[in-house]
Amino acid sequence: MSLGTKVRLARLFSHPSGNLFGGAVDHFVGYGDVRKGGLADLPGALARVMVGKPDYVSIQPGTARHLWPQYAGKACLVIQAGCFTPDDRISELIATPEDAVRAGADALAVAIPVRGATEGKYIRWLTDSVNAAARYGMPVVAHIYPRDFTDGAKIVFTPDEIAYAARIGYESGVDVIKIGYTGDFESFRETVRTCPVPVVIAGGPKTDTLLGALQQTADAIRAGARGAVVGRN
């Protein structure tokens, strides 16, 4: 690992606990109806996230261009490169490590789905990004979402699939892996224990209450996760 990668990772995990809390405002085409929900007003949503003093924020490159300058220095910037829908209607890699460097970012995030006929393409996204990022000392944070196609295409959080997602991440050479919590403490602890890179959890699976989401995060950290990067629940 290069000095640049080590320095940037230290910024991401700079909290005294050694863990991190990040805000993901990077849903883009996967969000659905942009007139509804918490991200209907994207500038307002980012402002609300920043009130919570996150360690980092993951956003699309265009969002960074338009909205990030006023927040520079208040949190680490992570540029999201992955752009997909679970059914593969859209699947594009929209940023490179060089783009992240030009944006002043501390890391590049690459969101990918796994399982299904197109899985190989997404793994190639990840490995190509890791190899390119190494030239710039830029960490790569993989956001990995297993899919099930039994009834359409949907993201799943079963223990076997989450363990598989973690394996894809570290065998692709990423520096941090973001995966969903399984809902089962023991299975998640085993996944984290056998993963040689830091694991943080995503906002899902969806819970009925805010307390449920907070409990899910607390359980994941007790199981060994190094924090959470939450967009919505």
C-alpha atoms as a PDB file:
ATOM      1  CA  MET A   1       0.000   0.000   0.000  1.00  0.00           C
ATOM      2  CA  SER A   2       1.432   3.380  -1.021  1.00  0.00           C
ATOM      3  CA  LEU A   3       1.958   6.323   1.303  1.00  0.00           C
ATOM      4  CA  GLY A   4      -0.818   8.257  -0.434  1.00  0.00           C
ATOM      5  CA  THR A   5      -3.303   5.441   0.102  1.00  0.00           C
ATOM      6  CA  LYS A   6      -2.336   5.145   3.769  1.00  0.00           C
ATOM      7  CA  VAL A   7      -2.697   8.901   4.319  1.00  0.00           C
ATOM      8  CA  ARG A   8      -6.108   9.051   2.663  1.00  0.00           C
ATOM      9  CA  LEU A   9      -7.380   6.006   4.567  1.00  0.00           C
ATOM     10  CA  ALA A  10      -6.187   7.615   7.804  1.00  0.00           C
ATOM     11  CA  ARG A  11      -8.354  10.623   6.980  1.00  0.00           C
ATOM     12  CA  LEU A  12     -11.404   8.417   6.444  1.00  0.00           C
ATOM     13  CA  PHE A  13     -10.850   6.624   9.765  1.00  0.00           C
ATOM     14  CA  SER A  14      -9.681   9.682  11.710  1.00  0.00           C
ATOM     15  CA  HIS A  15     -12.326   9.449  14.459  1.00  0.00           C
ATOM     16  CA  PRO A  16     -10.769   8.640  17.874  1.00  0.00           C
ATOM     17  CA  SER A  17     -12.699   5.349  17.901  1.00  0.00           C
ATOM     18  CA  GLY A  18     -10.877   4.209  14.779  1.00  0.00           C
ATOM     19  CA  ASN A  19     -14.241   3.748  13.073  1.00  0.00           C
ATOM     20  CA  LEU A  20     -16.098   5.979  10.642  1.00  0.00           C
ATOM     21  CA  PHE A  21     -19.569   7.239   9.894  1.00  0.00           C
ATOM     22  CA  GLY A  22     -20.243   8.312   6.343  1.00  0.00           C
ATOM     23  CA  GLY A  23     -23.216   9.730   4.514  1.00  0.00           C
ATOM     24  CA  ALA A  24     -24.046   8.350   1.069  1.00  0.00           C
ATOM     25  CA  VAL A  25     -25.873  10.877  -1.102  1.00  0.00           C
ATOM     26  CA  ASP A  26     -25.046   8.980  -4.272  1.00  0.00           C
ATOM     27  CA  HIS A  27     -28.164   7.089  -5.323  1.00  0.00           C
ATOM     28  CA  PHE A  28     -28.478   8.796  -8.738  1.00  0.00           C
ATOM     29  CA  VAL A  29     -30.457   6.660 -11.231  1.00  0.00           C
ATOM     30  CA  GLY A  30     -31.192   4.023  -8.593  1.00  0.00           C
ATOM     31  CA  TYR A  31     -33.229   6.433  -6.472  1.00  0.00           C
ATOM     32  CA  GLY A  32     -36.505   6.208  -8.357  1.00  0.00           C
ATOM     33  CA  ASP A  33     -38.979   9.102  -8.296  1.00  0.00           C
ATOM     34  CA  VAL A  34     -36.751  12.144  -7.699  1.00  0.00           C
ATOM     35  CA  ARG A  35     -39.750  14.256  -6.634  1.00  0.00           C
ATOM     36  CA  LYS A  36     -40.389  12.127  -3.568  1.00  0.00           C
ATOM     37  CA  GLY A  37     -38.534  11.114  -0.430  1.00  0.00           C
ATOM     38  CA  GLY A  38     -35.561  12.481   1.430  1.00  0.00           C
ATOM     39  CA  LEU A  39     -33.495  13.200  -1.669  1.00  0.00           C
ATOM     40  CA  ALA A  40     -36.151  15.190  -3.547  1.00  0.00           C
ATOM     41  CA  ASP A  41     -34.150  18.275  -2.552  1.00  0.00           C
ATOM     42  CA  LEU A  42     -30.599  17.043  -3.087  1.00  0.00           C
ATOM     43  CA  PRO A  43     -28.810  20.246  -1.945  1.00  0.00           C
ATOM     44  CA  GLY A  44     -30.989  20.275   1.167  1.00  0.00           C
ATOM     45  CA  ALA A  45     -30.324  16.596   1.842  1.00  0.00           C
ATOM     46  CA  LEU A  46     -26.575  17.138   1.638  1.00  0.00           C
ATOM     47  CA  ALA A  47     -26.856  20.114   3.984  1.00  0.00           C
ATOM     48  CA  ARG A  48     -28.742  17.963   6.513  1.00  0.00           C
ATOM     49  CA  VAL A  49     -26.115  15.229   6.270  1.00  0.00           C
ATOM     50  CA  MET A  50     -23.352  17.745   6.942  1.00  0.00           C
ATOM     51  CA  VAL A  51     -25.076  18.965  10.114  1.00  0.00           C
ATOM     52  CA  GLY A  52     -24.323  15.516  11.555  1.00  0.00           C
ATOM     53  CA  LYS A  53     -20.567  16.030  11.008  1.00  0.00           C
ATOM     54  CA  PRO A  54     -19.903  12.803   9.101  1.00  0.00           C
ATOM     55  CA  ASP A  55     -16.372  11.547   8.615  1.00  0.00           C
ATOM     56  CA  TYR A  56     -16.985  11.383   4.894  1.00  0.00           C
ATOM     57  CA  VAL A  57     -19.623  11.861   2.237  1.00  0.00           C
ATOM     58  CA  SER A  58     -19.979   9.751  -0.904  1.00  0.00           C
ATOM     59  CA  ILE A  59     -21.452  11.667  -3.861  1.00  0.00           C
ATOM     60  CA  GLN A  60     -21.553  11.519  -7.641  1.00  0.00           C
ATOM     61  CA  PRO A  61     -18.930  13.547  -9.528  1.00  0.00           C
ATOM     62  CA  GLY A  62     -21.495  16.024 -10.839  1.00  0.00           C
ATOM     63  CA  THR A  63     -22.909  16.588  -7.365  1.00  0.00           C
ATOM     64  CA  ALA A  64     -19.399  17.252  -6.112  1.00  0.00           C
ATOM     65  CA  ARG A  65     -18.812  19.808  -8.843  1.00  0.00           C
ATOM     66  CA  HIS A  66     -21.965  21.764  -8.011  1.00  0.00           C
ATOM     67  CA  LEU A  67     -22.386  21.334  -4.248  1.00  0.00           C
ATOM     68  CA  TRP A  68     -19.159  20.287  -2.532  1.00  0.00           C
ATOM     69  CA  PRO A  69     -16.992  23.461  -2.553  1.00  0.00           C
ATOM     70  CA  GLN A  70     -18.922  24.980   0.372  1.00  0.00           C
ATOM     71  CA  TYR A  71     -18.242  21.857   2.462  1.00  0.00           C
ATOM     72  CA  ALA A  72     -14.573  21.378   1.576  1.00  0.00           C
ATOM     73  CA  GLY A  73     -12.520  20.672   4.689  1.00  0.00           C
ATOM     74  CA  LYS A  74     -15.568  19.758   6.779  1.00  0.00           C
ATOM     75  CA  ALA A  75     -15.559  16.061   5.839  1.00  0.00           C
ATOM     76  CA  CYS A  76     -13.687  13.740   3.522  1.00  0.00           C
ATOM     77  CA  LEU A  77     -14.965  13.633  -0.050  1.00  0.00           C
ATOM     78  CA  VAL A  78     -15.521  10.271  -1.727  1.00  0.00           C
ATOM     79  CA  ILE A  79     -16.450  10.251  -5.415  1.00  0.00           C
ATOM     80  CA  GLN A  80     -18.922   7.557  -6.472  1.00  0.00           C
ATOM     81  CA  ALA A  81     -18.029   5.961  -9.803  1.00  0.00           C
ATOM     82  CA  GLY A  82     -20.660   3.231 -10.061  1.00  0.00           C
ATOM     83  CA  CYS A  83     -24.011   3.948 -11.712  1.00  0.00           C
ATOM     84  CA  PHE A  84     -26.438   1.037 -12.065  1.00  0.00           C
ATOM     85  CA  THR A  85     -29.947  -0.248 -11.543  1.00  0.00           C
ATOM     86  CA  PRO A  86     -30.413  -3.777 -10.133  1.00  0.00           C
ATOM     87  CA  ASP A  87     -32.072  -4.944 -13.363  1.00  0.00           C
ATOM     88  CA  ASP A  88     -29.105  -3.722 -15.476  1.00  0.00           C
ATOM     89  CA  ARG A  89     -31.292  -1.230 -17.321  1.00  0.00           C
ATOM     90  CA  ILE A  90     -28.461   1.202 -16.588  1.00  0.00           C
ATOM     91  CA  SER A  91     -24.883   0.122 -15.910  1.00  0.00           C
ATOM     92  CA  GLU A  92     -22.132   2.676 -16.383  1.00  0.00           C
ATOM     93  CA  LEU A  93     -18.830   3.506 -14.736  1.00  0.00           C
ATOM     94  CA  ILE A  94     -18.944   7.311 -14.647  1.00  0.00           C
ATOM     95  CA  ALA A  95     -15.732   8.329 -12.868  1.00  0.00           C
ATOM     96  CA  THR A  96     -12.080   7.315 -12.741  1.00  0.00           C
ATOM     97  CA  PRO A  97      -9.427   7.640 -10.032  1.00  0.00           C
ATOM     98  CA  GLU A  98      -7.996  10.539 -12.036  1.00  0.00           C
ATOM     99  CA  ASP A  99     -11.389  12.266 -11.842  1.00  0.00           C
ATOM    100  CA  ALA A 100     -11.349  11.744  -8.074  1.00  0.00           C
ATOM    101  CA  VAL A 101      -7.869  13.263  -7.814  1.00  0.00           C
ATOM    102  CA  ARG A 102      -8.965  16.307  -9.820  1.00  0.00           C
ATOM    103  CA  ALA A 103     -11.967  16.715  -7.518  1.00  0.00           C
ATOM    104  CA  GLY A 104      -9.722  16.739  -4.441  1.00  0.00           C
ATOM    105  CA  ALA A 105     -11.284  13.524  -3.163  1.00  0.00           C
ATOM    106  CA  ASP A 106      -9.950  11.264  -0.434  1.00  0.00           C
ATOM    107  CA  ALA A 107     -11.239   8.042  -2.013  1.00  0.00           C
ATOM    108  CA  LEU A 108     -13.072   6.567  -4.980  1.00  0.00           C
ATOM    109  CA  ALA A 109     -16.233   4.544  -4.323  1.00  0.00           C
ATOM    110  CA  VAL A 110     -17.329   1.902  -6.808  1.00  0.00           C
ATOM    111  CA  ALA A 111     -20.850   0.555  -6.320  1.00  0.00           C
ATOM    112  CA  ILE A 112     -21.552  -2.761  -8.025  1.00  0.00           C
ATOM    113  CA  PRO A 113     -24.225  -5.458  -7.964  1.00  0.00           C
ATOM    114  CA  VAL A 114     -23.178  -9.102  -7.922  1.00  0.00           C
ATOM    115  CA  ARG A 115     -24.871 -12.311  -9.058  1.00  0.00           C
ATOM    116  CA  GLY A 116     -26.597 -12.581 -12.398  1.00  0.00           C
ATOM    117  CA  ALA A 117     -25.304 -12.843 -15.952  1.00  0.00           C
ATOM    118  CA  THR A 118     -23.569  -9.456 -15.864  1.00  0.00           C
ATOM    119  CA  GLU A 119     -21.602 -10.040 -12.672  1.00  0.00           C
ATOM    120  CA  GLY A 120     -18.291 -10.415 -14.500  1.00  0.00           C
ATOM    121  CA  LYS A 121     -18.598  -6.966 -16.037  1.00  0.00           C
ATOM    122  CA  TYR A 122     -19.091  -5.378 -12.630  1.00  0.00           C
ATOM    123  CA  ILE A 123     -16.156  -7.233 -11.113  1.00  0.00           C
ATOM    124  CA  ARG A 124     -14.063  -5.891 -13.988  1.00  0.00           C
ATOM    125  CA  TRP A 125     -15.246  -2.367 -13.071  1.00  0.00           C
ATOM    126  CA  LEU A 126     -13.920  -2.970  -9.592  1.00  0.00           C
ATOM    127  CA  THR A 127     -10.576  -4.522 -10.464  1.00  0.00           C
ATOM    128  CA  ASP A 128      -9.842  -1.967 -13.182  1.00  0.00           C
ATOM    129  CA  SER A 129     -10.625   0.843 -10.740  1.00  0.00           C
ATOM    130  CA  VAL A 130      -8.347  -0.673  -8.085  1.00  0.00           C
ATOM    131  CA  ASN A 131      -5.467  -0.995 -10.528  1.00  0.00           C
ATOM    132  CA  ALA A 132      -5.902   2.548 -11.845  1.00  0.00           C
ATOM    133  CA  ALA A 133      -6.308   4.010  -8.347  1.00  0.00           C
ATOM    134  CA  ALA A 134      -3.023   2.491  -7.198  1.00  0.00           C
ATOM    135  CA  ARG A 135      -1.172   4.830  -9.556  1.00  0.00           C
ATOM    136  CA  TYR A 136      -2.547   7.818  -7.642  1.00  0.00           C
ATOM    137  CA  GLY A 137      -2.438   6.487  -4.087  1.00  0.00           C
ATOM    138  CA  MET A 138      -6.247   6.639  -4.094  1.00  0.00           C
ATOM    139  CA  PRO A 139      -8.171   4.199  -1.854  1.00  0.00           C
ATOM    140  CA  VAL A 140     -11.127   2.345  -3.349  1.00  0.00           C
ATOM    141  CA  VAL A 141     -14.279   1.779  -1.301  1.00  0.00           C
ATOM    142  CA  ALA A 142     -16.420  -0.986  -2.806  1.00  0.00           C
ATOM    143  CA  HIS A 143     -20.190  -0.806  -2.292  1.00  0.00           C
ATOM    144  CA  ILE A 144     -21.306  -4.345  -3.114  1.00  0.00           C
ATOM    145  CA  TYR A 145     -24.944  -5.405  -3.437  1.00  0.00           C
ATOM    146  CA  PRO A 146     -25.934  -9.061  -4.036  1.00  0.00           C
ATOM    147  CA  ARG A 147     -28.981  -9.555  -6.243  1.00  0.00           C
ATOM    148  CA  ASP A 148     -31.747 -12.129  -6.446  1.00  0.00           C
ATOM    149  CA  PHE A 149     -33.688 -12.653  -9.681  1.00  0.00           C
ATOM    150  CA  THR A 150     -36.428 -14.970  -8.408  1.00  0.00           C
ATOM    151  CA  ASP A 151     -39.064 -12.246  -8.742  1.00  0.00           C
ATOM    152  CA  GLY A 152     -37.572  -9.449 -10.791  1.00  0.00           C
ATOM    153  CA  ALA A 153     -34.230  -8.042  -9.664  1.00  0.00           C
ATOM    154  CA  LYS A 154     -33.782  -7.047  -6.046  1.00  0.00           C
ATOM    155  CA  ILE A 155     -30.979  -6.491  -3.539  1.00  0.00           C
ATOM    156  CA  VAL A 156     -30.736  -9.166  -0.822  1.00  0.00           C
ATOM    157  CA  PHE A 157     -29.029  -9.377   2.573  1.00  0.00           C
ATOM    158  CA  THR A 158     -28.859 -13.088   3.401  1.00  0.00           C
ATOM    159  CA  PRO A 159     -25.745 -14.314   5.258  1.00  0.00           C
ATOM    160  CA  ASP A 160     -24.468 -16.353   2.305  1.00  0.00           C
ATOM    161  CA  GLU A 161     -24.861 -13.494  -0.153  1.00  0.00           C
ATOM    162  CA  ILE A 162     -23.302 -10.885   2.139  1.00  0.00           C
ATOM    163  CA  ALA A 163     -20.331 -13.190   2.756  1.00  0.00           C
ATOM    164  CA  TYR A 164     -20.006 -13.576  -1.006  1.00  0.00           C
ATOM    165  CA  ALA A 165     -20.094  -9.794  -1.475  1.00  0.00           C
ATOM    166  CA  ALA A 166     -17.281  -9.343   1.042  1.00  0.00           C
ATOM    167  CA  ARG A 167     -15.221 -12.009  -0.718  1.00  0.00           C
ATOM    168  CA  ILE A 168     -15.661 -10.261  -4.070  1.00  0.00           C
ATOM    169  CA  GLY A 169     -14.454  -7.038  -2.477  1.00  0.00           C
ATOM    170  CA  TYR A 170     -11.244  -8.216  -0.922  1.00  0.00           C
ATOM    171  CA  GLU A 171     -10.276 -10.565  -3.734  1.00  0.00           C
ATOM    172  CA  SER A 172     -10.650  -7.578  -6.074  1.00  0.00           C
ATOM    173  CA  GLY A 173      -8.115  -5.695  -3.964  1.00  0.00           C
ATOM    174  CA  VAL A 174     -10.247  -2.876  -2.568  1.00  0.00           C
ATOM    175  CA  ASP A 175      -9.308  -0.958   0.572  1.00  0.00           C
ATOM    176  CA  VAL A 176     -12.717  -0.749   2.292  1.00  0.00           C
ATOM    177  CA  ILE A 177     -15.842  -2.855   1.731  1.00  0.00           C
ATOM    178  CA  LYS A 178     -19.368  -1.567   2.255  1.00  0.00           C
ATOM    179  CA  ILE A 179     -21.984  -4.317   2.540  1.00  0.00           C
ATOM    180  CA  GLY A 180     -25.437  -4.704   4.028  1.00  0.00           C
ATOM    181  CA  TYR A 181     -25.973  -6.122   7.504  1.00  0.00           C
ATOM    182  CA  THR A 182     -27.334  -9.662   7.475  1.00  0.00           C
ATOM    183  CA  GLY A 183     -29.625  -9.157  10.438  1.00  0.00           C
ATOM    184  CA  ASP A 184     -27.851 -12.052  12.130  1.00  0.00           C
ATOM    185  CA  PHE A 185     -25.025 -11.176  14.532  1.00  0.00           C
ATOM    186  CA  GLU A 186     -23.108 -14.451  14.378  1.00  0.00           C
ATOM    187  CA  SER A 187     -23.079 -14.768  10.599  1.00  0.00           C
ATOM    188  CA  PHE A 188     -22.009 -11.160  10.167  1.00  0.00           C
ATOM    189  CA  ARG A 189     -19.274 -11.506  12.783  1.00  0.00           C
ATOM    190  CA  GLU A 190     -17.877 -14.503  10.907  1.00  0.00           C
ATOM    191  CA  THR A 191     -17.912 -12.587   7.619  1.00  0.00           C
ATOM    192  CA  VAL A 192     -16.050  -9.662   9.181  1.00  0.00           C
ATOM    193  CA  ARG A 193     -13.616 -11.934  11.047  1.00  0.00           C
ATOM    194  CA  THR A 194     -12.507 -13.621   7.847  1.00  0.00           C
ATOM    195  CA  CYS A 195     -12.261 -10.412   5.809  1.00  0.00           C
ATOM    196  CA  PRO A 196      -8.734  -8.921   5.724  1.00  0.00           C
ATOM    197  CA  VAL A 197      -9.869  -5.362   4.929  1.00  0.00           C
ATOM    198  CA  PRO A 198     -12.153  -2.990   6.891  1.00  0.00           C
ATOM    199  CA  VAL A 199     -15.888  -3.601   6.538  1.00  0.00           C
ATOM    200  CA  VAL A 200     -18.530  -0.902   6.962  1.00  0.00           C
ATOM    201  CA  ILE A 201     -22.257  -1.408   6.640  1.00  0.00           C
ATOM    202  CA  ALA A 202     -24.787   0.127   4.293  1.00  0.00           C
ATOM    203  CA  GLY A 203     -28.135   1.631   5.283  1.00  0.00           C
ATOM    204  CA  GLY A 204     -30.144  -1.480   4.387  1.00  0.00           C
ATOM    205  CA  PRO A 205     -31.871  -3.782   4.976  1.00  0.00           C
ATOM    206  CA  LYS A 206     -34.794  -1.478   5.713  1.00  0.00           C
ATOM    207  CA  THR A 207     -36.095  -1.389   9.284  1.00  0.00           C
ATOM    208  CA  ASP A 208     -39.495  -0.267  10.555  1.00  0.00           C
ATOM    209  CA  THR A 209     -38.122   2.428  12.870  1.00  0.00           C
ATOM    210  CA  LEU A 210     -35.116   4.693  13.309  1.00  0.00           C
ATOM    211  CA  LEU A 211     -34.303   2.819  16.508  1.00  0.00           C
ATOM    212  CA  GLY A 212     -34.187  -0.391  14.499  1.00  0.00           C
ATOM    213  CA  ALA A 213     -31.689   1.126  12.076  1.00  0.00           C
ATOM    214  CA  LEU A 214     -29.520   2.371  14.939  1.00  0.00           C
ATOM    215  CA  GLN A 215     -29.662  -1.036  16.642  1.00  0.00           C
ATOM    216  CA  GLN A 216     -28.664  -2.689  13.377  1.00  0.00           C
ATOM    217  CA  THR A 217     -25.635  -0.397  13.150  1.00  0.00           C
ATOM    218  CA  ALA A 218     -24.674  -1.021  16.773  1.00  0.00           C
ATOM    219  CA  ASP A 219     -24.929  -4.790  16.283  1.00  0.00           C
ATOM    220  CA  ALA A 220     -22.739  -4.631  13.185  1.00  0.00           C
ATOM    221  CA  ILE A 221     -20.055  -2.661  15.018  1.00  0.00           C
ATOM    222  CA  ARG A 222     -20.140  -5.127  17.921  1.00  0.00           C
ATOM    223  CA  ALA A 223     -19.628  -7.835  15.299  1.00  0.00           C
ATOM    224  CA  GLY A 224     -16.473  -6.101  14.096  1.00  0.00           C
ATOM    225  CA  ALA A 225     -17.602  -3.625  11.448  1.00  0.00           C
ATOM    226  CA  ARG A 226     -15.551  -0.432  11.318  1.00  0.00           C
ATOM    227  CA  GLY A 227     -18.564   1.839  10.965  1.00  0.00           C
ATOM    228  CA  ALA A 228     -21.416   2.655   8.606  1.00  0.00           C
ATOM    229  CA  VAL A 229     -21.954   4.583   5.392  1.00  0.00           C
ATOM    230  CA  VAL A 230     -25.674   5.253   5.273  1.00  0.00           C
ATOM    231  CA  GLY A 231     -27.768   6.735   2.501  1.00  0.00           C
ATOM    232  CA  ARG A 232     -31.280   5.717   3.431  1.00  0.00           C
ATOM    233  CA  ASN A 233     -33.112   3.040   5.371  1.00  0.00           C
END
